Amino acid sequence: MEEKRTIPLKCIFCKSTSFDVPYEGYEPKPDEQIKCANCGQSNDYTSLRSLARKEGEKIAKEIMGDKIKEFQKNVRKMFK
C-alpha cells in the first residue's frame, strides 16, 4: 500500500503555510528568499525545503514503525 502525503512549507517564524509568490504552482529557486504572507518575514527557500524533508523523514519512520508492528502482530497470529 502506497501512502502519499503533502508536507507544506512552513514559515520559520510563525509556522504559517502561506507565502507571497508570483503565481500558483510557482517554485522558488534554491536560496531564494520568499516572504511569509502572514508575518511578512523573509524565509530562505532552501532551508524551508530542508525542514520539510526532515518532517517527511519523521513521518515515514512513524509509518514504517506502525507497519512493522502490524506485520509482527500478523506473524504472531499465524504461528499461534
PDB file of N, CA and C in Angstrom:
ATOM      1  N   MET A   1       0.834  -1.180   0.000  1.00  0.00           N
ATOM      2  CA  MET A   1       0.000   0.000   0.000  1.00  0.00           C
ATOM      3  C   MET A   1       0.877   1.241   0.000  1.00  0.00           C
ATOM      4  N   GLU A   2       0.621   2.109  -0.902  1.00  0.00           N
ATOM      5  CA  GLU A   2       1.419   3.322  -1.035  1.00  0.00           C
ATOM      6  C   GLU A   2       0.669   4.500  -0.418  1.00  0.00           C
ATOM      7  N   GLU A   3       1.344   5.174   0.495  1.00  0.00           N
ATOM      8  CA  GLU A   3       0.745   6.356   1.122  1.00  0.00           C
ATOM      9  C   GLU A   3       1.414   7.592   0.569  1.00  0.00           C
ATOM     10  N   LYS A   4       0.607   8.578   0.234  1.00  0.00           N
ATOM     11  CA  LYS A   4       1.155   9.848  -0.231  1.00  0.00           C
ATOM     12  C   LYS A   4       0.646  10.948   0.671  1.00  0.00           C
ATOM     13  N   ARG A   5       1.563  11.795   1.077  1.00  0.00           N
ATOM     14  CA  ARG A   5       1.207  12.937   1.898  1.00  0.00           C
ATOM     15  C   ARG A   5       1.934  14.160   1.359  1.00  0.00           C
ATOM     16  N   THR A   6       1.309  15.278   1.499  1.00  0.00           N
ATOM     17  CA  THR A   6       1.938  16.529   1.117  1.00  0.00           C
ATOM     18  C   THR A   6       2.373  17.245   2.389  1.00  0.00           C
ATOM     19  N   ILE A   7       3.608  17.653   2.412  1.00  0.00           N
ATOM     20  CA  ILE A   7       4.125  18.379   3.568  1.00  0.00           C
ATOM     21  C   ILE A   7       4.342  19.819   3.130  1.00  0.00           C
ATOM     22  N   PRO A   8       3.534  20.731   3.636  1.00  0.00           N
ATOM     23  CA  PRO A   8       3.667  22.123   3.208  1.00  0.00           C
ATOM     24  C   PRO A   8       4.894  22.791   3.820  1.00  0.00           C
ATOM     25  N   LEU A   9       5.417  23.767   3.110  1.00  0.00           N
ATOM     26  CA  LEU A   9       6.486  24.580   3.678  1.00  0.00           C
ATOM     27  C   LEU A   9       5.865  25.443   4.765  1.00  0.00           C
ATOM     28  N   LYS A  10       6.597  25.630   5.868  1.00  0.00           N
ATOM     29  CA  LYS A  10       6.092  26.435   6.975  1.00  0.00           C
ATOM     30  C   LYS A  10       7.079  27.546   7.285  1.00  0.00           C
ATOM     31  N   CYS A  11       6.553  28.739   7.497  1.00  0.00           N
ATOM     32  CA  CYS A  11       7.386  29.879   7.864  1.00  0.00           C
ATOM     33  C   CYS A  11       8.178  29.541   9.124  1.00  0.00           C
ATOM     34  N   ILE A  12       9.445  29.862   9.108  1.00  0.00           N
ATOM     35  CA  ILE A  12      10.316  29.588  10.252  1.00  0.00           C
ATOM     36  C   ILE A  12       9.884  30.407  11.469  1.00  0.00           C
ATOM     37  N   PHE A  13       9.304  31.554  11.237  1.00  0.00           N
ATOM     38  CA  PHE A  13       8.971  32.479  12.318  1.00  0.00           C
ATOM     39  C   PHE A  13       7.585  32.243  12.921  1.00  0.00           C
ATOM     40  N   CYS A  14       6.564  32.046  12.075  1.00  0.00           N
ATOM     41  CA  CYS A  14       5.192  31.944  12.599  1.00  0.00           C
ATOM     42  C   CYS A  14       4.502  30.623  12.277  1.00  0.00           C
ATOM     43  N   LYS A  15       5.165  29.747  11.539  1.00  0.00           N
ATOM     44  CA  LYS A  15       4.651  28.427  11.148  1.00  0.00           C
ATOM     45  C   LYS A  15       3.488  28.483  10.158  1.00  0.00           C
ATOM     46  N   SER A  16       3.226  29.631   9.569  1.00  0.00           N
ATOM     47  CA  SER A  16       2.190  29.753   8.546  1.00  0.00           C
ATOM     48  C   SER A  16       2.627  28.999   7.298  1.00  0.00           C
ATOM     49  N   THR A  17       1.645  28.537   6.530  1.00  0.00           N
ATOM     50  CA  THR A  17       1.945  27.848   5.272  1.00  0.00           C
ATOM     51  C   THR A  17       1.623  28.730   4.066  1.00  0.00           C
ATOM     52  N   SER A  18       1.363  30.007   4.302  1.00  0.00           N
ATOM     53  CA  SER A  18       1.029  30.942   3.218  1.00  0.00           C
ATOM     54  C   SER A  18       2.231  31.828   2.902  1.00  0.00           C
ATOM     55  N   PHE A  19       2.579  31.864   1.624  1.00  0.00           N
ATOM     56  CA  PHE A  19       3.702  32.678   1.183  1.00  0.00           C
ATOM     57  C   PHE A  19       3.287  33.530  -0.001  1.00  0.00           C
ATOM     58  N   ASP A  20       3.906  34.708  -0.103  1.00  0.00           N
ATOM     59  CA  ASP A  20       3.672  35.588  -1.247  1.00  0.00           C
ATOM     60  C   ASP A  20       4.544  35.106  -2.398  1.00  0.00           C
ATOM     61  N   VAL A  21       3.905  34.504  -3.393  1.00  0.00           N
ATOM     62  CA  VAL A  21       4.607  34.037  -4.584  1.00  0.00           C
ATOM     63  C   VAL A  21       3.900  34.611  -5.813  1.00  0.00           C
ATOM     64  N   PRO A  22       4.613  34.740  -6.936  1.00  0.00           N
ATOM     65  CA  PRO A  22       4.031  35.392  -8.117  1.00  0.00           C
ATOM     66  C   PRO A  22       2.766  34.732  -8.661  1.00  0.00           C
ATOM     67  N   TYR A  23       2.687  33.389  -8.579  1.00  0.00           N
ATOM     68  CA  TYR A  23       1.514  32.694  -9.107  1.00  0.00           C
ATOM     69  C   TYR A  23       1.428  31.305  -8.478  1.00  0.00           C
ATOM     70  N   GLU A  24       0.240  30.716  -8.544  1.00  0.00           N
ATOM     71  CA  GLU A  24       0.008  29.377  -8.013  1.00  0.00           C
ATOM     72  C   GLU A  24       0.908  28.379  -8.737  1.00  0.00           C
ATOM     73  N   GLY A  25       1.543  27.497  -7.968  1.00  0.00           N
ATOM     74  CA  GLY A  25       2.418  26.498  -8.559  1.00  0.00           C
ATOM     75  C   GLY A  25       3.850  26.975  -8.757  1.00  0.00           C
ATOM     76  N   TYR A  26       4.121  28.237  -8.409  1.00  0.00           N
ATOM     77  CA  TYR A  26       5.476  28.792  -8.544  1.00  0.00           C
ATOM     78  C   TYR A  26       6.422  28.051  -7.616  1.00  0.00           C
ATOM     79  N   GLU A  27       7.565  27.643  -8.142  1.00  0.00           N
ATOM     80  CA  GLU A  27       8.584  27.019  -7.312  1.00  0.00           C
ATOM     81  C   GLU A  27       9.810  27.916  -7.276  1.00  0.00           C
ATOM     82  N   PRO A  28      10.120  28.449  -6.088  1.00  0.00           N
ATOM     83  CA  PRO A  28      11.284  29.325  -5.965  1.00  0.00           C
ATOM     84  C   PRO A  28      12.584  28.586  -6.289  1.00  0.00           C
ATOM     85  N   LYS A  29      13.584  29.348  -6.629  1.00  0.00           N
ATOM     86  CA  LYS A  29      14.909  28.797  -6.913  1.00  0.00           C
ATOM     87  C   LYS A  29      15.651  28.572  -5.594  1.00  0.00           C
ATOM     88  N   PRO A  30      16.638  27.667  -5.594  1.00  0.00           N
ATOM     89  CA  PRO A  30      17.426  27.450  -4.376  1.00  0.00           C
ATOM     90  C   PRO A  30      18.001  28.770  -3.852  1.00  0.00           C
ATOM     91  N   ASP A  31      17.978  28.907  -2.563  1.00  0.00           N
ATOM     92  CA  ASP A  31      18.483  30.079  -1.830  1.00  0.00           C
ATOM     93  C   ASP A  31      17.667  31.353  -2.060  1.00  0.00           C
ATOM     94  N   GLU A  32      16.551  31.258  -2.763  1.00  0.00           N
ATOM     95  CA  GLU A  32      15.690  32.428  -2.951  1.00  0.00           C
ATOM     96  C   GLU A  32      14.965  32.733  -1.642  1.00  0.00           C
ATOM     97  N   GLN A  33      14.748  33.990  -1.368  1.00  0.00           N
ATOM     98  CA  GLN A  33      14.002  34.413  -0.197  1.00  0.00           C
ATOM     99  C   GLN A  33      12.528  34.534  -0.574  1.00  0.00           C
ATOM    100  N   ILE A  34      11.658  33.889   0.223  1.00  0.00           N
ATOM    101  CA  ILE A  34      10.227  34.019  -0.034  1.00  0.00           C
ATOM    102  C   ILE A  34       9.574  34.630   1.201  1.00  0.00           C
ATOM    103  N   LYS A  35       8.659  35.525   0.959  1.00  0.00           N
ATOM    104  CA  LYS A  35       8.034  36.299   2.029  1.00  0.00           C
ATOM    105  C   LYS A  35       6.793  35.577   2.551  1.00  0.00           C
ATOM    106  N   CYS A  36       6.695  35.486   3.870  1.00  0.00           N
ATOM    107  CA  CYS A  36       5.532  34.887   4.510  1.00  0.00           C
ATOM    108  C   CYS A  36       4.343  35.829   4.344  1.00  0.00           C
ATOM    109  N   ALA A  37       3.220  35.301   3.907  1.00  0.00           N
ATOM    110  CA  ALA A  37       2.019  36.119   3.716  1.00  0.00           C
ATOM    111  C   ALA A  37       1.374  36.476   5.054  1.00  0.00           C
ATOM    112  N   ASN A  38       1.746  35.774   6.108  1.00  0.00           N
ATOM    113  CA  ASN A  38       1.157  36.029   7.418  1.00  0.00           C
ATOM    114  C   ASN A  38       1.948  37.064   8.227  1.00  0.00           C
ATOM    115  N   CYS A  39       3.244  36.813   8.419  1.00  0.00           N
ATOM    116  CA  CYS A  39       4.044  37.704   9.284  1.00  0.00           C
ATOM    117  C   CYS A  39       4.953  38.647   8.506  1.00  0.00           C
ATOM    118  N   GLY A  40       5.120  38.427   7.203  1.00  0.00           N
ATOM    119  CA  GLY A  40       5.932  39.319   6.381  1.00  0.00           C
ATOM    120  C   GLY A  40       7.426  39.060   6.430  1.00  0.00           C
ATOM    121  N   GLN A  41       7.857  38.063   7.178  1.00  0.00           N
ATOM    122  CA  GLN A  41       9.282  37.754   7.274  1.00  0.00           C
ATOM    123  C   GLN A  41       9.756  37.013   6.024  1.00  0.00           C
ATOM    124  N   SER A  42      11.006  37.234   5.668  1.00  0.00           N
ATOM    125  CA  SER A  42      11.608  36.519   4.547  1.00  0.00           C
ATOM    126  C   SER A  42      12.173  35.194   5.037  1.00  0.00           C
ATOM    127  N   ASN A  43      11.935  34.148   4.268  1.00  0.00           N
ATOM    128  CA  ASN A  43      12.399  32.808   4.596  1.00  0.00           C
ATOM    129  C   ASN A  43      13.259  32.298   3.443  1.00  0.00           C
ATOM    130  N   ASP A  44      14.340  31.611   3.771  1.00  0.00           N
ATOM    131  CA  ASP A  44      15.203  31.007   2.768  1.00  0.00           C
ATOM    132  C   ASP A  44      14.554  29.722   2.267  1.00  0.00           C
ATOM    133  N   TYR A  45      14.279  29.666   0.971  1.00  0.00           N
ATOM    134  CA  TYR A  45      13.578  28.524   0.381  1.00  0.00           C
ATOM    135  C   TYR A  45      14.322  27.213   0.628  1.00  0.00           C
ATOM    136  N   THR A  46      15.637  27.217   0.496  1.00  0.00           N
ATOM    137  CA  THR A  46      16.418  26.002   0.700  1.00  0.00           C
ATOM    138  C   THR A  46      16.254  25.487   2.124  1.00  0.00           C
ATOM    139  N   SER A  47      16.252  26.388   3.093  1.00  0.00           N
ATOM    140  CA  SER A  47      16.070  25.991   4.496  1.00  0.00           C
ATOM    141  C   SER A  47      14.670  25.433   4.733  1.00  0.00           C
ATOM    142  N   LEU A  48      13.665  26.065   4.128  1.00  0.00           N
ATOM    143  CA  LEU A  48      12.293  25.586   4.289  1.00  0.00           C
ATOM    144  C   LEU A  48      12.142  24.178   3.720  1.00  0.00           C
ATOM    145  N   ARG A  49      12.754  23.943   2.559  1.00  0.00           N
ATOM    146  CA  ARG A  49      12.690  22.607   1.948  1.00  0.00           C
ATOM    147  C   ARG A  49      13.391  21.577   2.822  1.00  0.00           C
ATOM    148  N   SER A  50      14.507  21.959   3.405  1.00  0.00           N
ATOM    149  CA  SER A  50      15.247  21.049   4.277  1.00  0.00           C
ATOM    150  C   SER A  50      14.405  20.665   5.500  1.00  0.00           C
ATOM    151  N   LEU A  51      13.736  21.647   6.085  1.00  0.00           N
ATOM    152  CA  LEU A  51      12.878  21.375   7.238  1.00  0.00           C
ATOM    153  C   LEU A  51      11.700  20.479   6.855  1.00  0.00           C
ATOM    154  N   ALA A  52      11.118  20.714   5.688  1.00  0.00           N
ATOM    155  CA  ALA A  52      10.009  19.886   5.217  1.00  0.00           C
ATOM    156  C   ALA A  52      10.484  18.457   4.953  1.00  0.00           C
ATOM    157  N   ARG A  53      11.680  18.321   4.407  1.00  0.00           N
ATOM    158  CA  ARG A  53      12.244  16.989   4.149  1.00  0.00           C
ATOM    159  C   ARG A  53      12.441  16.234   5.467  1.00  0.00           C
ATOM    160  N   LYS A  54      12.947  16.920   6.487  1.00  0.00           N
ATOM    161  CA  LYS A  54      13.135  16.286   7.795  1.00  0.00           C
ATOM    162  C   LYS A  54      11.792  15.857   8.390  1.00  0.00           C
ATOM    163  N   GLU A  55      10.774  16.681   8.221  1.00  0.00           N
ATOM    164  CA  GLU A  55       9.432  16.335   8.689  1.00  0.00           C
ATOM    165  C   GLU A  55       8.928  15.096   7.947  1.00  0.00           C
ATOM    166  N   GLY A  56       9.192  15.029   6.659  1.00  0.00           N
ATOM    167  CA  GLY A  56       8.803  13.865   5.862  1.00  0.00           C
ATOM    168  C   GLY A  56       9.497  12.594   6.325  1.00  0.00           C
ATOM    169  N   GLU A  57      10.764  12.701   6.652  1.00  0.00           N
ATOM    170  CA  GLU A  57      11.512  11.543   7.146  1.00  0.00           C
ATOM    171  C   GLU A  57      10.933  11.067   8.476  1.00  0.00           C
ATOM    172  N   LYS A  58      10.561  12.016   9.328  1.00  0.00           N
ATOM    173  CA  LYS A  58       9.973  11.680  10.623  1.00  0.00           C
ATOM    174  C   LYS A  58       8.646  10.944  10.425  1.00  0.00           C
ATOM    175  N   ILE A  59       7.816  11.442   9.529  1.00  0.00           N
ATOM    176  CA  ILE A  59       6.528  10.806   9.246  1.00  0.00           C
ATOM    177  C   ILE A  59       6.738   9.416   8.660  1.00  0.00           C
ATOM    178  N   ALA A  60       7.701   9.284   7.752  1.00  0.00           N
ATOM    179  CA  ALA A  60       7.990   7.983   7.135  1.00  0.00           C
ATOM    180  C   ALA A  60       8.424   6.968   8.187  1.00  0.00           C
ATOM    181  N   LYS A  61       9.240   7.379   9.136  1.00  0.00           N
ATOM    182  CA  LYS A  61       9.678   6.472  10.204  1.00  0.00           C
ATOM    183  C   LYS A  61       8.494   6.029  11.058  1.00  0.00           C
ATOM    184  N   GLU A  62       7.588   6.966  11.338  1.00  0.00           N
ATOM    185  CA  GLU A  62       6.402   6.619  12.128  1.00  0.00           C
ATOM    186  C   GLU A  62       5.537   5.612  11.377  1.00  0.00           C
ATOM    187  N   ILE A  63       5.329   5.848  10.088  1.00  0.00           N
ATOM    188  CA  ILE A  63       4.518   4.937   9.278  1.00  0.00           C
ATOM    189  C   ILE A  63       5.166   3.555   9.223  1.00  0.00           C
ATOM    190  N   MET A  64       6.472   3.522   8.998  1.00  0.00           N
ATOM    191  CA  MET A  64       7.165   2.234   8.924  1.00  0.00           C
ATOM    192  C   MET A  64       7.108   1.510  10.265  1.00  0.00           C
ATOM    193  N   GLY A  65       7.223   2.247  11.356  1.00  0.00           N
ATOM    194  CA  GLY A  65       7.111   1.629  12.679  1.00  0.00           C
ATOM    195  C   GLY A  65       5.749   0.987  12.864  1.00  0.00           C
ATOM    196  N   ASP A  66       4.694   1.675  12.434  1.00  0.00           N
ATOM    197  CA  ASP A  66       3.342   1.130  12.520  1.00  0.00           C
ATOM    198  C   ASP A  66       3.193  -0.109  11.644  1.00  0.00           C
ATOM    199  N   LYS A  67       3.760  -0.054  10.435  1.00  0.00           N
ATOM    200  CA  LYS A  67       3.676  -1.190   9.506  1.00  0.00           C
ATOM    201  C   LYS A  67       4.411  -2.410  10.075  1.00  0.00           C
ATOM    202  N   ILE A  68       5.560  -2.174  10.694  1.00  0.00           N
ATOM    203  CA  ILE A  68       6.334  -3.272  11.280  1.00  0.00           C
ATOM    204  C   ILE A  68       5.559  -3.900  12.432  1.00  0.00           C
ATOM    205  N   LYS A  69       4.961  -3.065  13.282  1.00  0.00           N
ATOM    206  CA  LYS A  69       4.165  -3.592  14.408  1.00  0.00           C
ATOM    207  C   LYS A  69       2.988  -4.419  13.887  1.00  0.00           C
ATOM    208  N   GLU A  70       2.333  -3.931  12.840  1.00  0.00           N
ATOM    209  CA  GLU A  70       1.218  -4.658  12.238  1.00  0.00           C
ATOM    210  C   GLU A  70       1.679  -5.997  11.664  1.00  0.00           C
ATOM    211  N   PHE A  71       2.827  -5.996  10.988  1.00  0.00           N
ATOM    212  CA  PHE A  71       3.391  -7.224  10.423  1.00  0.00           C
ATOM    213  C   PHE A  71       3.712  -8.220  11.536  1.00  0.00           C
ATOM    214  N   GLN A  72       4.344  -7.743  12.617  1.00  0.00           N
ATOM    215  CA  GLN A  72       4.697  -8.621  13.735  1.00  0.00           C
ATOM    216  C   GLN A  72       3.438  -9.236  14.354  1.00  0.00           C
ATOM    217  N   LYS A  73       2.407  -8.437  14.476  1.00  0.00           N
ATOM    218  CA  LYS A  73       1.144  -8.917  15.040  1.00  0.00           C
ATOM    219  C   LYS A  73       0.563 -10.027  14.161  1.00  0.00           C
ATOM    220  N   ASN A  74       0.587  -9.798  12.839  1.00  0.00           N
ATOM    221  CA  ASN A  74       0.066 -10.801  11.906  1.00  0.00           C
ATOM    222  C   ASN A  74       0.890 -12.083  11.921  1.00  0.00           C
ATOM    223  N   VAL A  75       2.196 -11.973  12.053  1.00  0.00           N
ATOM    224  CA  VAL A  75       3.068 -13.158  12.106  1.00  0.00           C
ATOM    225  C   VAL A  75       2.782 -13.949  13.379  1.00  0.00           C
ATOM    226  N   ARG A  76       2.612 -13.252  14.496  1.00  0.00           N
ATOM    227  CA  ARG A  76       2.295 -13.943  15.764  1.00  0.00           C
ATOM    228  C   ARG A  76       0.988 -14.715  15.638  1.00  0.00           C
ATOM    229  N   LYS A  77      -0.013 -14.106  14.988  1.00  0.00           N
ATOM    230  CA  LYS A  77      -1.302 -14.781  14.816  1.00  0.00           C
ATOM    231  C   LYS A  77      -1.145 -16.035  13.957  1.00  0.00           C
ATOM    232  N   MET A  78      -0.296 -15.956  12.939  1.00  0.00           N
ATOM    233  CA  MET A  78      -0.110 -17.097  12.030  1.00  0.00           C
ATOM    234  C   MET A  78       0.514 -18.289  12.739  1.00  0.00           C
ATOM    235  N   PHE A  79       1.373 -18.055  13.715  1.00  0.00           N
ATOM    236  CA  PHE A  79       2.100 -19.145  14.361  1.00  0.00           C
ATOM    237  C   PHE A  79       1.552 -19.524  15.727  1.00  0.00           C
ATOM    238  N   LYS A  80       0.367 -19.062  16.049  1.00  0.00           N
ATOM    239  CA  LYS A  80      -0.254 -19.467  17.329  1.00  0.00           C
ATOM    240  C   LYS A  80      -0.887 -20.795  17.204  1.00  0.00           C
TER     241      LYS A  80
END
